[in-house]
PDB file of N, CA and C in Angstrom:
ATOM      1  N   UNK A   1      -8.178  -5.039   0.943  1.00  0.00           N
ATOM      2  CA  UNK A   1      -9.559  -4.660   0.918  1.00  0.00           C
ATOM      3  C   UNK A   1     -10.276  -5.959   0.501  1.00  0.00           C
ATOM      4  N   UNK A   2     -11.461  -6.021   0.896  1.00  0.00           N
ATOM      5  CA  UNK A   2     -12.236  -7.253   0.625  1.00  0.00           C
ATOM      6  C   UNK A   2     -13.199  -6.707  -0.557  1.00  0.00           C
ATOM      7  N   UNK A   3     -13.233  -7.666  -1.596  1.00  0.00           N
ATOM      8  CA  UNK A   3     -14.032  -7.507  -2.875  1.00  0.00           C
ATOM      9  C   UNK A   3     -15.292  -8.162  -2.725  1.00  0.00           C
ATOM     10  N   UNK A   4     -16.181  -7.859  -3.608  1.00  0.00           N
ATOM     11  CA  UNK A   4     -17.524  -8.457  -3.785  1.00  0.00           C
ATOM     12  C   UNK A   4     -17.332 -10.091  -3.957  1.00  0.00           C
ATOM     13  N   UNK A   5     -16.422 -10.208  -5.001  1.00  0.00           N
ATOM     14  CA  UNK A   5     -16.299 -11.698  -5.301  1.00  0.00           C
ATOM     15  C   UNK A   5     -15.659 -12.463  -4.121  1.00  0.00           C
ATOM     16  N   UNK A   6     -14.866 -11.864  -3.236  1.00  0.00           N
ATOM     17  CA  UNK A   6     -14.320 -12.673  -2.051  1.00  0.00           C
ATOM     18  C   UNK A   6     -15.633 -12.785  -1.018  1.00  0.00           C
ATOM     19  N   UNK A   7     -16.320 -11.764  -1.070  1.00  0.00           N
ATOM     20  CA  UNK A   7     -17.558 -11.908  -0.133  1.00  0.00           C
ATOM     21  C   UNK A   7     -18.478 -12.924  -0.676  1.00  0.00           C
ATOM     22  N   UNK A   8     -18.845 -13.088  -1.822  1.00  0.00           N
ATOM     23  CA  UNK A   8     -19.661 -14.007  -2.458  1.00  0.00           C
ATOM     24  C   UNK A   8     -19.070 -15.499  -2.161  1.00  0.00           C
ATOM     25  N   UNK A   9     -17.723 -15.525  -2.404  1.00  0.00           N
ATOM     26  CA  UNK A   9     -17.080 -16.700  -2.199  1.00  0.00           C
ATOM     27  C   UNK A   9     -17.197 -17.300  -0.769  1.00  0.00           C
ATOM     28  N   UNK A  10     -16.973 -16.440   0.108  1.00  0.00           N
ATOM     29  CA  UNK A  10     -17.117 -16.744   1.504  1.00  0.00           C
ATOM     30  C   UNK A  10     -18.618 -17.249   1.803  1.00  0.00           C
ATOM     31  N   UNK A  11     -19.616 -16.557   1.347  1.00  0.00           N
ATOM     32  CA  UNK A  11     -20.950 -16.834   1.670  1.00  0.00           C
ATOM     33  C   UNK A  11     -21.316 -18.127   1.036  1.00  0.00           C
ATOM     34  N   UNK A  12     -20.878 -18.386  -0.088  1.00  0.00           N
ATOM     35  CA  UNK A  12     -21.211 -19.697  -0.819  1.00  0.00           C
ATOM     36  C   UNK A  12     -20.576 -20.829  -0.100  1.00  0.00           C
ATOM     37  N   UNK A  13     -19.426 -20.684   0.686  1.00  0.00           N
ATOM     38  CA  UNK A  13     -18.897 -21.718   1.468  1.00  0.00           C
ATOM     39  C   UNK A  13     -19.596 -22.040   2.818  1.00  0.00           C
ATOM     40  N   UNK A  14     -20.320 -21.130   3.248  1.00  0.00           N
ATOM     41  CA  UNK A  14     -20.933 -21.178   4.598  1.00  0.00           C
ATOM     42  C   UNK A  14     -22.182 -22.222   4.393  1.00  0.00           C
ATOM     43  N   UNK A  15     -22.500 -22.805   5.570  1.00  0.00           N
ATOM     44  CA  UNK A  15     -23.651 -23.747   5.607  1.00  0.00           C
ATOM     45  C   UNK A  15     -24.949 -22.982   5.307  1.00  0.00           C
ATOM     46  N   UNK A  16     -26.142 -23.548   5.017  1.00  0.00           N
ATOM     47  CA  UNK A  16     -27.309 -22.965   4.839  1.00  0.00           C
ATOM     48  C   UNK A  16     -27.746 -22.060   5.848  1.00  0.00           C
ATOM     49  N   UNK A  17     -27.444 -22.301   7.090  1.00  0.00           N
ATOM     50  CA  UNK A  17     -27.796 -21.370   8.320  1.00  0.00           C
ATOM     51  C   UNK A  17     -26.547 -21.077   9.002  1.00  0.00           C
ATOM     52  N   UNK A  18     -26.469 -19.759   9.332  1.00  0.00           N
ATOM     53  CA  UNK A  18     -25.204 -19.387  10.063  1.00  0.00           C
ATOM     54  C   UNK A  18     -25.674 -17.958  10.727  1.00  0.00           C
ATOM     55  N   UNK A  19     -24.753 -17.647  11.733  1.00  0.00           N
ATOM     56  CA  UNK A  19     -25.068 -16.408  12.359  1.00  0.00           C
ATOM     57  C   UNK A  19     -24.267 -15.251  11.623  1.00  0.00           C
ATOM     58  N   UNK A  20     -24.732 -14.062  12.088  1.00  0.00           N
ATOM     59  CA  UNK A  20     -23.956 -12.725  11.403  1.00  0.00           C
ATOM     60  C   UNK A  20     -22.611 -12.758  12.053  1.00  0.00           C
ATOM     61  N   UNK A  21     -22.460 -13.077  13.327  1.00  0.00           N
ATOM     62  CA  UNK A  21     -21.209 -13.166  14.082  1.00  0.00           C
ATOM     63  C   UNK A  21     -20.240 -14.034  13.259  1.00  0.00           C
ATOM     64  N   UNK A  22     -20.666 -15.231  12.907  1.00  0.00           N
ATOM     65  CA  UNK A  22     -19.711 -16.155  12.211  1.00  0.00           C
ATOM     66  C   UNK A  22     -19.256 -15.545  10.987  1.00  0.00           C
ATOM     67  N   UNK A  23     -20.248 -14.882  10.164  1.00  0.00           N
ATOM     68  CA  UNK A  23     -19.847 -14.267   8.991  1.00  0.00           C
ATOM     69  C   UNK A  23     -18.918 -13.097   9.062  1.00  0.00           C
ATOM     70  N   UNK A  24     -19.115 -12.403  10.000  1.00  0.00           N
ATOM     71  CA  UNK A  24     -18.298 -11.174  10.313  1.00  0.00           C
ATOM     72  C   UNK A  24     -16.979 -11.688  10.695  1.00  0.00           C
ATOM     73  N   UNK A  25     -16.714 -12.750  11.554  1.00  0.00           N
ATOM     74  CA  UNK A  25     -15.479 -13.245  11.959  1.00  0.00           C
ATOM     75  C   UNK A  25     -14.728 -13.721  10.801  1.00  0.00           C
ATOM     76  N   UNK A  26     -15.321 -14.509   9.950  1.00  0.00           N
ATOM     77  CA  UNK A  26     -14.858 -15.069   8.640  1.00  0.00           C
ATOM     78  C   UNK A  26     -14.356 -13.883   7.752  1.00  0.00           C
ATOM     79  N   UNK A  27     -15.156 -12.790   7.592  1.00  0.00           N
ATOM     80  CA  UNK A  27     -14.774 -11.853   6.744  1.00  0.00           C
ATOM     81  C   UNK A  27     -13.516 -10.971   7.228  1.00  0.00           C
ATOM     82  N   UNK A  28     -13.481 -10.847   8.603  1.00  0.00           N
ATOM     83  CA  UNK A  28     -12.390 -10.144   9.230  1.00  0.00           C
ATOM     84  C   UNK A  28     -11.080 -10.968   8.819  1.00  0.00           C
ATOM     85  N   UNK A  29     -11.165 -12.295   9.234  1.00  0.00           N
ATOM     86  CA  UNK A  29     -10.081 -13.245   8.900  1.00  0.00           C
ATOM     87  C   UNK A  29      -9.487 -13.205   7.455  1.00  0.00           C
ATOM     88  N   UNK A  30     -10.446 -13.051   6.537  1.00  0.00           N
ATOM     89  CA  UNK A  30     -10.171 -13.025   5.097  1.00  0.00           C
ATOM     90  C   UNK A  30      -9.518 -11.722   4.803  1.00  0.00           C
ATOM     91  N   UNK A  31      -9.952 -10.704   5.409  1.00  0.00           N
ATOM     92  CA  UNK A  31      -9.420  -9.344   5.135  1.00  0.00           C
ATOM     93  C   UNK A  31      -7.982  -9.183   5.668  1.00  0.00           C
ATOM     94  N   UNK A  32      -7.785  -9.864   6.903  1.00  0.00           N
ATOM     95  CA  UNK A  32      -6.480  -9.812   7.380  1.00  0.00           C
ATOM     96  C   UNK A  32      -5.416 -10.619   6.655  1.00  0.00           C
ATOM     97  N   UNK A  33      -5.883 -11.763   6.111  1.00  0.00           N
ATOM     98  CA  UNK A  33      -5.034 -12.606   5.386  1.00  0.00           C
ATOM     99  C   UNK A  33      -4.619 -11.891   4.007  1.00  0.00           C
ATOM    100  N   UNK A  34      -5.662 -11.137   3.514  1.00  0.00           N
ATOM    101  CA  UNK A  34      -5.375 -10.437   2.150  1.00  0.00           C
ATOM    102  C   UNK A  34      -4.387  -9.273   2.456  1.00  0.00           C
ATOM    103  N   UNK A  35      -4.556  -8.680   3.594  1.00  0.00           N
ATOM    104  CA  UNK A  35      -3.715  -7.499   3.974  1.00  0.00           C
ATOM    105  C   UNK A  35      -2.413  -7.967   4.194  1.00  0.00           C
ATOM    106  N   UNK A  36      -2.196  -9.055   4.787  1.00  0.00           N
ATOM    107  CA  UNK A  36      -0.807  -9.739   4.929  1.00  0.00           C
ATOM    108  C   UNK A  36      -0.137 -10.080   3.848  1.00  0.00           C
ATOM    109  N   UNK A  37      -0.946 -10.713   2.877  1.00  0.00           N
ATOM    110  CA  UNK A  37      -0.304 -11.095   1.501  1.00  0.00           C
ATOM    111  C   UNK A  37       0.120  -9.792   0.706  1.00  0.00           C
ATOM    112  N   UNK A  38      -0.659  -8.770   0.740  1.00  0.00           N
ATOM    113  CA  UNK A  38      -0.243  -7.489   0.121  1.00  0.00           C
ATOM    114  C   UNK A  38       1.001  -7.058   0.753  1.00  0.00           C
ATOM    115  N   UNK A  39       1.050  -6.968   2.029  1.00  0.00           N
ATOM    116  CA  UNK A  39       2.152  -6.361   2.750  1.00  0.00           C
ATOM    117  C   UNK A  39       3.379  -7.279   2.336  1.00  0.00           C
ATOM    118  N   UNK A  40       3.284  -8.610   2.296  1.00  0.00           N
ATOM    119  CA  UNK A  40       4.412  -9.447   1.903  1.00  0.00           C
ATOM    120  C   UNK A  40       4.873  -9.093   0.446  1.00  0.00           C
ATOM    121  N   UNK A  41       3.975  -9.003  -0.374  1.00  0.00           N
ATOM    122  CA  UNK A  41       4.292  -8.576  -1.747  1.00  0.00           C
ATOM    123  C   UNK A  41       4.957  -7.406  -1.942  1.00  0.00           C
ATOM    124  N   UNK A  42       4.606  -6.413  -1.065  1.00  0.00           N
ATOM    125  CA  UNK A  42       5.184  -5.089  -1.130  1.00  0.00           C
ATOM    126  C   UNK A  42       6.557  -5.013  -0.246  1.00  0.00           C
ATOM    127  N   UNK A  43       7.018  -6.145   0.375  1.00  0.00           N
ATOM    128  CA  UNK A  43       8.170  -6.074   1.118  1.00  0.00           C
ATOM    129  C   UNK A  43       8.015  -5.452   2.373  1.00  0.00           C
ATOM    130  N   UNK A  44       6.799  -5.390   2.884  1.00  0.00           N
ATOM    131  CA  UNK A  44       6.558  -4.625   4.183  1.00  0.00           C
ATOM    132  C   UNK A  44       6.625  -5.787   5.306  1.00  0.00           C
ATOM    133  N   UNK A  45       7.674  -6.573   5.483  1.00  0.00           N
ATOM    134  CA  UNK A  45       7.820  -7.531   6.441  1.00  0.00           C
ATOM    135  C   UNK A  45       9.183  -7.277   7.123  1.00  0.00           C
ATOM    136  N   UNK A  46       9.273  -7.971   8.333  1.00  0.00           N
ATOM    137  CA  UNK A  46      10.467  -7.992   9.080  1.00  0.00           C
ATOM    138  C   UNK A  46      11.153  -9.179   9.105  1.00  0.00           C
ATOM    139  N   UNK A  47      12.520  -9.221   9.382  1.00  0.00           N
ATOM    140  CA  UNK A  47      13.236 -10.455   9.299  1.00  0.00           C
ATOM    141  C   UNK A  47      12.985 -11.269  10.566  1.00  0.00           C
ATOM    142  N   UNK A  48      13.273 -12.617  10.472  1.00  0.00           N
ATOM    143  CA  UNK A  48      13.081 -13.481  11.532  1.00  0.00           C
ATOM    144  C   UNK A  48      13.919 -13.008  12.786  1.00  0.00           C
ATOM    145  N   UNK A  49      15.151 -12.577  12.594  1.00  0.00           N
ATOM    146  CA  UNK A  49      15.983 -12.168  13.597  1.00  0.00           C
ATOM    147  C   UNK A  49      15.461 -10.834  14.358  1.00  0.00           C
ATOM    148  N   UNK A  50      14.766  -9.872  13.463  1.00  0.00           N
ATOM    149  CA  UNK A  50      14.212  -8.660  14.026  1.00  0.00           C
ATOM    150  C   UNK A  50      13.043  -9.110  14.914  1.00  0.00           C
ATOM    151  N   UNK A  51      12.337  -9.986  14.469  1.00  0.00           N
ATOM    152  CA  UNK A  51      11.090 -10.547  15.185  1.00  0.00           C
ATOM    153  C   UNK A  51      11.490 -11.058  16.482  1.00  0.00           C
ATOM    154  N   UNK A  52      12.581 -11.922  16.477  1.00  0.00           N
ATOM    155  CA  UNK A  52      13.101 -12.428  17.775  1.00  0.00           C
ATOM    156  C   UNK A  52      13.535 -11.420  18.643  1.00  0.00           C
ATOM    157  N   UNK A  53      14.199 -10.303  18.123  1.00  0.00           N
ATOM    158  CA  UNK A  53      14.533  -9.189  19.112  1.00  0.00           C
ATOM    159  C   UNK A  53      13.341  -8.502  19.659  1.00  0.00           C
ATOM    160  N   UNK A  54      12.266  -8.285  18.943  1.00  0.00           N
ATOM    161  CA  UNK A  54      11.118  -7.684  19.349  1.00  0.00           C
ATOM    162  C   UNK A  54      10.440  -8.484  20.408  1.00  0.00           C
ATOM    163  N   UNK A  55      10.260  -9.783  20.289  1.00  0.00           N
ATOM    164  CA  UNK A  55       9.783 -10.707  21.199  1.00  0.00           C
ATOM    165  C   UNK A  55      10.516 -10.686  22.588  1.00  0.00           C
ATOM    166  N   UNK A  56      11.881 -10.652  22.325  1.00  0.00           N
ATOM    167  CA  UNK A  56      12.654 -10.601  23.597  1.00  0.00           C
ATOM    168  C   UNK A  56      12.408  -9.312  24.422  1.00  0.00           C
ATOM    169  N   UNK A  57      12.072  -8.310  23.795  1.00  0.00           N
ATOM    170  CA  UNK A  57      11.789  -7.030  24.532  1.00  0.00           C
ATOM    171  C   UNK A  57      10.496  -7.184  25.328  1.00  0.00           C
ATOM    172  N   UNK A  58       9.534  -7.973  24.791  1.00  0.00           N
ATOM    173  CA  UNK A  58       8.231  -8.169  25.641  1.00  0.00           C
ATOM    174  C   UNK A  58       8.576  -8.854  26.937  1.00  0.00           C
ATOM    175  N   UNK A  59       9.590  -9.619  27.019  1.00  0.00           N
ATOM    176  CA  UNK A  59       9.827 -10.376  28.284  1.00  0.00           C
ATOM    177  C   UNK A  59      10.886  -9.685  29.190  1.00  0.00           C
ATOM    178  N   UNK A  60      11.215  -8.502  28.913  1.00  0.00           N
ATOM    179  CA  UNK A  60      12.249  -7.745  29.709  1.00  0.00           C
ATOM    180  C   UNK A  60      11.637  -7.092  30.899  1.00  0.00           C
TER     181      UNK A  60
END
């Protein structure tokens, strides 16, 4: 989940002028990174070999 402090930090790093689309894209990226970090901390990951097996299925 995105916090106010993360939102403020991202806005402060933007140039003086920016589009809403740029801001939304950045916030989505930050939220996905935060979610991924949380999943990693909670052990909600798959092994590299499991990932390789999943990728092989895509090309069958």
